């Protein structure tokens, strides 16, 4: 069950401010307050969904498409396409998910280390 008290739900309701990078009717992208790279942007859909599988289950095709096309727009807006970037989505306890609202991390601006 979706917890509407999570920090991303509060950001979407504008109860907590964010440093917005990009927004449209389906998604919001903002700078991470605890960046793990020089550039660290979070992207969240504007629907109640816990993780990636839940997002795919509850979102309509237009929302899914818009969200991932927005990732591409943000990559251009951040001017990181040529130098490279990493996109991460953590899902569940074993996947390291900390906030129970589907989100992606865009990391860039420096050489990102290997996962192992």
N, C-alpha and C. Protein backbone atom coordinates (compact mmCIF):
# COMPACT_ATOMS: atom_id res chain seq x y z
N UNK A 1 0.83 -1.19 0.00
CA UNK A 1 0.00 0.00 0.00
C UNK A 1 0.88 1.25 0.00
N UNK A 2 0.52 2.21 -0.79
CA UNK A 2 1.27 3.45 -0.93
C UNK A 2 1.15 4.29 0.34
N UNK A 3 2.28 4.81 0.81
CA UNK A 3 2.33 5.67 1.99
C UNK A 3 2.40 7.13 1.53
N UNK A 4 1.29 7.86 1.65
CA UNK A 4 1.26 9.24 1.17
C UNK A 4 1.96 10.22 2.10
N UNK A 5 2.62 9.71 3.14
CA UNK A 5 3.39 10.55 4.05
C UNK A 5 4.88 10.54 3.69
N UNK A 6 5.26 9.83 2.62
CA UNK A 6 6.67 9.80 2.23
C UNK A 6 7.10 11.17 1.71
N UNK A 7 8.41 11.41 1.75
CA UNK A 7 8.94 12.73 1.41
C UNK A 7 8.62 13.15 -0.01
N UNK A 8 8.58 12.22 -0.96
CA UNK A 8 8.30 12.62 -2.35
C UNK A 8 6.84 13.00 -2.52
N UNK A 9 5.95 12.33 -1.81
CA UNK A 9 4.54 12.72 -1.84
C UNK A 9 4.38 14.13 -1.28
N UNK A 10 5.12 14.43 -0.23
CA UNK A 10 5.08 15.78 0.36
C UNK A 10 5.65 16.83 -0.59
N UNK A 11 6.70 16.47 -1.31
CA UNK A 11 7.26 17.39 -2.31
C UNK A 11 6.24 17.64 -3.42
N UNK A 12 5.58 16.60 -3.89
CA UNK A 12 4.57 16.76 -4.93
C UNK A 12 3.41 17.63 -4.47
N UNK A 13 3.05 17.56 -3.18
CA UNK A 13 1.98 18.40 -2.63
C UNK A 13 2.48 19.79 -2.25
N UNK A 14 3.78 20.05 -2.47
CA UNK A 14 4.42 21.32 -2.17
C UNK A 14 4.45 21.62 -0.67
N UNK A 15 4.41 20.57 0.14
CA UNK A 15 4.57 20.72 1.59
C UNK A 15 6.04 20.88 1.94
N UNK A 16 6.90 20.36 1.09
CA UNK A 16 8.35 20.46 1.25
C UNK A 16 8.89 21.03 -0.06
N UNK A 17 9.74 22.06 0.02
CA UNK A 17 10.27 22.64 -1.22
C UNK A 17 11.34 21.75 -1.86
N UNK A 18 11.59 21.98 -3.12
CA UNK A 18 12.66 21.28 -3.83
C UNK A 18 13.31 22.26 -4.80
N UNK A 19 14.50 21.90 -5.22
CA UNK A 19 15.22 22.69 -6.22
C UNK A 19 14.91 22.07 -7.58
N UNK A 20 13.85 22.56 -8.20
CA UNK A 20 13.31 21.97 -9.42
C UNK A 20 14.25 22.15 -10.61
N UNK A 21 14.38 21.07 -11.37
CA UNK A 21 15.15 21.08 -12.61
C UNK A 21 14.21 21.08 -13.81
N UNK A 22 13.11 20.30 -13.70
CA UNK A 22 12.16 20.17 -14.80
C UNK A 22 10.85 19.62 -14.23
N UNK A 23 9.74 20.08 -14.83
CA UNK A 23 8.43 19.58 -14.41
C UNK A 23 7.48 19.64 -15.59
N UNK A 24 6.61 18.63 -15.67
CA UNK A 24 5.50 18.66 -16.61
C UNK A 24 4.30 18.04 -15.90
N UNK A 25 3.26 17.75 -16.64
CA UNK A 25 2.04 17.24 -16.00
C UNK A 25 2.20 15.85 -15.40
N UNK A 26 3.22 15.10 -15.83
CA UNK A 26 3.39 13.72 -15.38
C UNK A 26 4.55 13.49 -14.43
N UNK A 27 5.49 14.43 -14.37
CA UNK A 27 6.69 14.16 -13.57
C UNK A 27 7.34 15.44 -13.05
N UNK A 28 8.21 15.22 -12.07
CA UNK A 28 8.98 16.29 -11.45
C UNK A 28 10.41 15.81 -11.27
N UNK A 29 11.37 16.64 -11.66
CA UNK A 29 12.79 16.34 -11.51
C UNK A 29 13.41 17.45 -10.68
N UNK A 30 14.21 17.07 -9.68
CA UNK A 30 14.79 18.06 -8.78
C UNK A 30 16.13 17.57 -8.27
N UNK A 31 16.94 18.51 -7.77
CA UNK A 31 18.27 18.17 -7.27
C UNK A 31 18.16 17.42 -5.95
N UNK A 32 18.97 16.39 -5.80
CA UNK A 32 19.01 15.61 -4.56
C UNK A 32 19.66 16.46 -3.47
N UNK A 33 19.09 16.42 -2.26
CA UNK A 33 19.66 17.23 -1.17
C UNK A 33 20.90 16.59 -0.57
N UNK A 34 21.16 15.33 -0.90
CA UNK A 34 22.36 14.63 -0.45
C UNK A 34 23.04 14.00 -1.66
N UNK A 35 23.62 14.84 -2.53
CA UNK A 35 24.13 14.33 -3.81
C UNK A 35 25.26 13.33 -3.66
N UNK A 36 25.22 12.31 -4.51
CA UNK A 36 26.24 11.27 -4.55
C UNK A 36 27.21 11.48 -5.71
N UNK A 37 27.02 12.57 -6.47
CA UNK A 37 27.89 12.96 -7.57
C UNK A 37 27.73 14.46 -7.76
N UNK A 38 28.60 15.05 -8.56
CA UNK A 38 28.50 16.51 -8.80
C UNK A 38 27.11 16.89 -9.28
N UNK A 39 26.57 16.07 -10.16
CA UNK A 39 25.19 16.26 -10.61
C UNK A 39 24.39 15.05 -10.13
N UNK A 40 23.35 15.32 -9.35
CA UNK A 40 22.50 14.24 -8.84
C UNK A 40 21.07 14.77 -8.83
N UNK A 41 20.28 14.31 -9.79
CA UNK A 41 18.90 14.74 -9.94
C UNK A 41 17.99 13.54 -9.71
N UNK A 42 16.89 13.77 -9.02
CA UNK A 42 15.87 12.76 -8.80
C UNK A 42 14.69 13.05 -9.72
N UNK A 43 14.09 11.99 -10.26
CA UNK A 43 12.89 12.12 -11.08
C UNK A 43 11.79 11.27 -10.50
N UNK A 44 10.62 11.89 -10.31
CA UNK A 44 9.48 11.16 -9.74
C UNK A 44 8.23 11.38 -10.59
N UNK A 45 7.44 10.34 -10.78
CA UNK A 45 6.16 10.52 -11.46
C UNK A 45 5.16 11.14 -10.48
N UNK A 46 4.17 11.81 -11.03
CA UNK A 46 3.16 12.48 -10.21
C UNK A 46 1.94 11.59 -9.95
N UNK A 47 2.20 10.32 -9.75
CA UNK A 47 1.13 9.38 -9.39
C UNK A 47 1.60 8.58 -8.18
N UNK A 48 0.68 7.99 -7.48
CA UNK A 48 1.02 7.16 -6.33
C UNK A 48 1.50 5.81 -6.81
N UNK A 49 2.79 5.56 -6.65
CA UNK A 49 3.37 4.27 -7.03
C UNK A 49 4.60 4.04 -6.17
N UNK A 50 4.74 2.84 -5.68
CA UNK A 50 5.76 2.51 -4.69
C UNK A 50 7.13 2.30 -5.32
N UNK A 51 7.18 1.55 -6.40
CA UNK A 51 8.45 1.21 -7.03
C UNK A 51 8.22 0.99 -8.52
N UNK A 52 9.28 0.59 -9.25
CA UNK A 52 9.15 0.44 -10.69
C UNK A 52 8.03 -0.52 -11.09
N UNK A 53 7.95 -1.74 -10.52
CA UNK A 53 6.86 -2.62 -10.92
C UNK A 53 5.48 -2.01 -10.67
N UNK A 54 5.33 -1.29 -9.55
CA UNK A 54 4.05 -0.65 -9.24
C UNK A 54 3.76 0.47 -10.24
N UNK A 55 4.80 1.24 -10.61
CA UNK A 55 4.63 2.31 -11.60
C UNK A 55 4.11 1.73 -12.91
N UNK A 56 4.72 0.66 -13.38
CA UNK A 56 4.29 0.03 -14.64
C UNK A 56 2.87 -0.51 -14.52
N UNK A 57 2.51 -1.00 -13.35
CA UNK A 57 1.17 -1.56 -13.12
C UNK A 57 0.09 -0.47 -13.10
N UNK A 58 0.34 0.64 -12.39
CA UNK A 58 -0.72 1.63 -12.18
C UNK A 58 -0.73 2.78 -13.19
N UNK A 59 0.39 3.04 -13.84
CA UNK A 59 0.46 4.17 -14.77
C UNK A 59 -0.08 3.77 -16.14
N UNK A 60 -0.73 4.72 -16.80
CA UNK A 60 -1.15 4.45 -18.17
C UNK A 60 0.04 4.65 -19.11
N UNK A 61 -0.10 4.22 -20.34
CA UNK A 61 1.01 4.27 -21.30
C UNK A 61 1.53 5.69 -21.50
N UNK A 62 0.63 6.67 -21.51
CA UNK A 62 1.04 8.07 -21.72
C UNK A 62 1.94 8.54 -20.57
N UNK A 63 1.59 8.17 -19.35
CA UNK A 63 2.38 8.57 -18.18
C UNK A 63 3.75 7.92 -18.20
N UNK A 64 3.80 6.63 -18.50
CA UNK A 64 5.08 5.91 -18.57
C UNK A 64 5.97 6.53 -19.65
N UNK A 65 5.42 6.72 -20.83
CA UNK A 65 6.17 7.29 -21.93
C UNK A 65 6.65 8.70 -21.60
N UNK A 66 5.77 9.51 -21.07
CA UNK A 66 6.12 10.89 -20.73
C UNK A 66 7.23 10.93 -19.69
N UNK A 67 7.15 10.05 -18.69
CA UNK A 67 8.17 10.04 -17.64
C UNK A 67 9.55 9.75 -18.24
N UNK A 68 9.65 8.70 -19.03
CA UNK A 68 10.96 8.32 -19.57
C UNK A 68 11.44 9.29 -20.66
N UNK A 69 10.54 9.90 -21.40
CA UNK A 69 10.95 10.95 -22.33
C UNK A 69 11.45 12.18 -21.56
N UNK A 70 10.87 12.42 -20.40
CA UNK A 70 11.32 13.53 -19.57
C UNK A 70 12.74 13.29 -19.05
N UNK A 71 13.07 12.04 -18.75
CA UNK A 71 14.45 11.72 -18.36
C UNK A 71 15.39 12.20 -19.46
N UNK A 72 15.05 11.91 -20.71
CA UNK A 72 15.89 12.31 -21.83
C UNK A 72 15.98 13.83 -21.94
N UNK A 73 14.88 14.53 -21.71
CA UNK A 73 14.89 16.00 -21.74
C UNK A 73 15.79 16.56 -20.64
N UNK A 74 15.73 15.95 -19.46
CA UNK A 74 16.56 16.41 -18.35
C UNK A 74 18.04 16.18 -18.66
N UNK A 75 18.36 15.06 -19.27
CA UNK A 75 19.75 14.79 -19.67
C UNK A 75 20.24 15.93 -20.57
N UNK A 76 19.42 16.35 -21.52
CA UNK A 76 19.80 17.47 -22.38
C UNK A 76 19.88 18.78 -21.61
N UNK A 77 18.91 19.01 -20.75
CA UNK A 77 18.89 20.25 -19.97
C UNK A 77 20.13 20.37 -19.08
N UNK A 78 20.60 19.24 -18.56
CA UNK A 78 21.79 19.23 -17.71
C UNK A 78 23.08 19.23 -18.54
N UNK A 79 22.94 19.06 -19.86
CA UNK A 79 24.09 19.05 -20.77
C UNK A 79 25.09 17.94 -20.41
N UNK A 80 24.57 16.73 -20.17
CA UNK A 80 25.42 15.61 -19.75
C UNK A 80 25.44 14.46 -20.76
N UNK A 81 24.74 14.61 -21.86
CA UNK A 81 24.63 13.52 -22.83
C UNK A 81 26.01 13.08 -23.34
N UNK A 82 26.85 14.04 -23.73
CA UNK A 82 28.13 13.70 -24.35
C UNK A 82 29.14 13.12 -23.36
N UNK A 83 29.18 13.63 -22.15
CA UNK A 83 30.15 13.15 -21.16
C UNK A 83 29.70 11.86 -20.46
N UNK A 84 28.41 11.59 -20.47
CA UNK A 84 27.89 10.37 -19.87
C UNK A 84 27.21 10.60 -18.53
N UNK A 85 26.41 9.62 -18.15
CA UNK A 85 25.60 9.70 -16.93
C UNK A 85 25.18 8.30 -16.54
N UNK A 86 24.66 8.18 -15.34
CA UNK A 86 24.11 6.91 -14.87
C UNK A 86 22.68 7.16 -14.40
N UNK A 87 21.79 6.24 -14.76
CA UNK A 87 20.41 6.28 -14.28
C UNK A 87 20.22 5.07 -13.38
N UNK A 88 19.70 5.32 -12.18
CA UNK A 88 19.51 4.25 -11.20
C UNK A 88 18.09 4.31 -10.66
N UNK A 89 17.50 3.16 -10.46
CA UNK A 89 16.24 3.06 -9.72
C UNK A 89 16.37 1.88 -8.76
N UNK A 90 16.23 2.16 -7.49
CA UNK A 90 16.29 1.12 -6.47
C UNK A 90 14.87 0.65 -6.17
N UNK A 91 14.71 -0.66 -5.96
CA UNK A 91 13.38 -1.21 -5.72
C UNK A 91 13.42 -2.19 -4.56
N UNK A 92 12.64 -1.92 -3.55
CA UNK A 92 12.53 -2.82 -2.40
C UNK A 92 13.72 -2.77 -1.46
N UNK A 93 13.62 -3.49 -0.38
CA UNK A 93 14.64 -3.51 0.66
C UNK A 93 15.98 -3.98 0.12
N UNK A 94 15.99 -5.11 -0.57
CA UNK A 94 17.25 -5.65 -1.10
C UNK A 94 17.83 -4.78 -2.22
N UNK A 95 17.00 -3.99 -2.86
CA UNK A 95 17.47 -3.09 -3.92
C UNK A 95 17.95 -1.75 -3.39
N UNK A 96 17.81 -1.53 -2.08
CA UNK A 96 18.30 -0.30 -1.47
C UNK A 96 17.33 0.88 -1.56
N UNK A 97 16.04 0.62 -1.82
CA UNK A 97 15.08 1.71 -1.91
C UNK A 97 14.84 2.31 -0.53
N UNK A 98 14.98 3.62 -0.42
CA UNK A 98 14.80 4.30 0.86
C UNK A 98 13.47 5.04 0.95
N UNK A 99 12.96 5.54 -0.17
CA UNK A 99 11.69 6.26 -0.18
C UNK A 99 10.68 5.43 -0.98
N UNK A 100 9.53 5.10 -0.37
CA UNK A 100 8.57 4.22 -1.05
C UNK A 100 7.69 4.96 -2.08
N UNK A 101 8.35 5.64 -3.00
CA UNK A 101 7.70 6.26 -4.16
C UNK A 101 8.67 6.04 -5.31
N UNK A 102 8.20 5.44 -6.41
CA UNK A 102 9.09 5.17 -7.53
C UNK A 102 9.85 6.44 -7.92
N UNK A 103 11.15 6.30 -8.10
CA UNK A 103 11.97 7.42 -8.53
C UNK A 103 13.23 6.92 -9.21
N UNK A 104 13.83 7.80 -9.99
CA UNK A 104 15.10 7.49 -10.62
C UNK A 104 16.12 8.53 -10.17
N UNK A 105 17.37 8.11 -10.17
CA UNK A 105 18.49 9.00 -9.89
C UNK A 105 19.25 9.19 -11.20
N UNK A 106 19.59 10.42 -11.52
CA UNK A 106 20.47 10.71 -12.64
C UNK A 106 21.75 11.25 -12.03
N UNK A 107 22.85 10.52 -12.23
CA UNK A 107 24.15 10.90 -11.68
C UNK A 107 25.09 11.26 -12.83
N UNK A 108 25.83 12.35 -12.66
CA UNK A 108 26.75 12.79 -13.73
C UNK A 108 27.69 13.84 -13.18
N UNK A 109 28.49 14.39 -14.10
CA UNK A 109 29.38 15.47 -13.76
C UNK A 109 30.76 15.05 -13.30
N UNK A 110 30.97 13.75 -13.22
CA UNK A 110 32.27 13.20 -12.83
C UNK A 110 32.25 11.72 -13.21
N UNK A 111 33.42 11.07 -13.13
CA UNK A 111 33.48 9.63 -13.40
C UNK A 111 32.77 8.92 -12.27
N UNK A 112 31.74 8.17 -12.62
CA UNK A 112 30.96 7.41 -11.64
C UNK A 112 31.61 6.04 -11.50
N UNK A 113 31.94 5.64 -10.29
CA UNK A 113 32.60 4.36 -10.06
C UNK A 113 31.78 3.16 -10.47
N UNK A 114 32.44 2.02 -10.55
CA UNK A 114 31.73 0.81 -10.93
C UNK A 114 30.84 0.37 -9.77
N UNK A 115 29.86 -0.44 -10.09
CA UNK A 115 28.94 -0.93 -9.08
C UNK A 115 29.57 -1.98 -8.18
N UNK A 116 30.62 -2.60 -8.63
CA UNK A 116 31.34 -3.59 -7.81
C UNK A 116 32.80 -3.42 -8.01
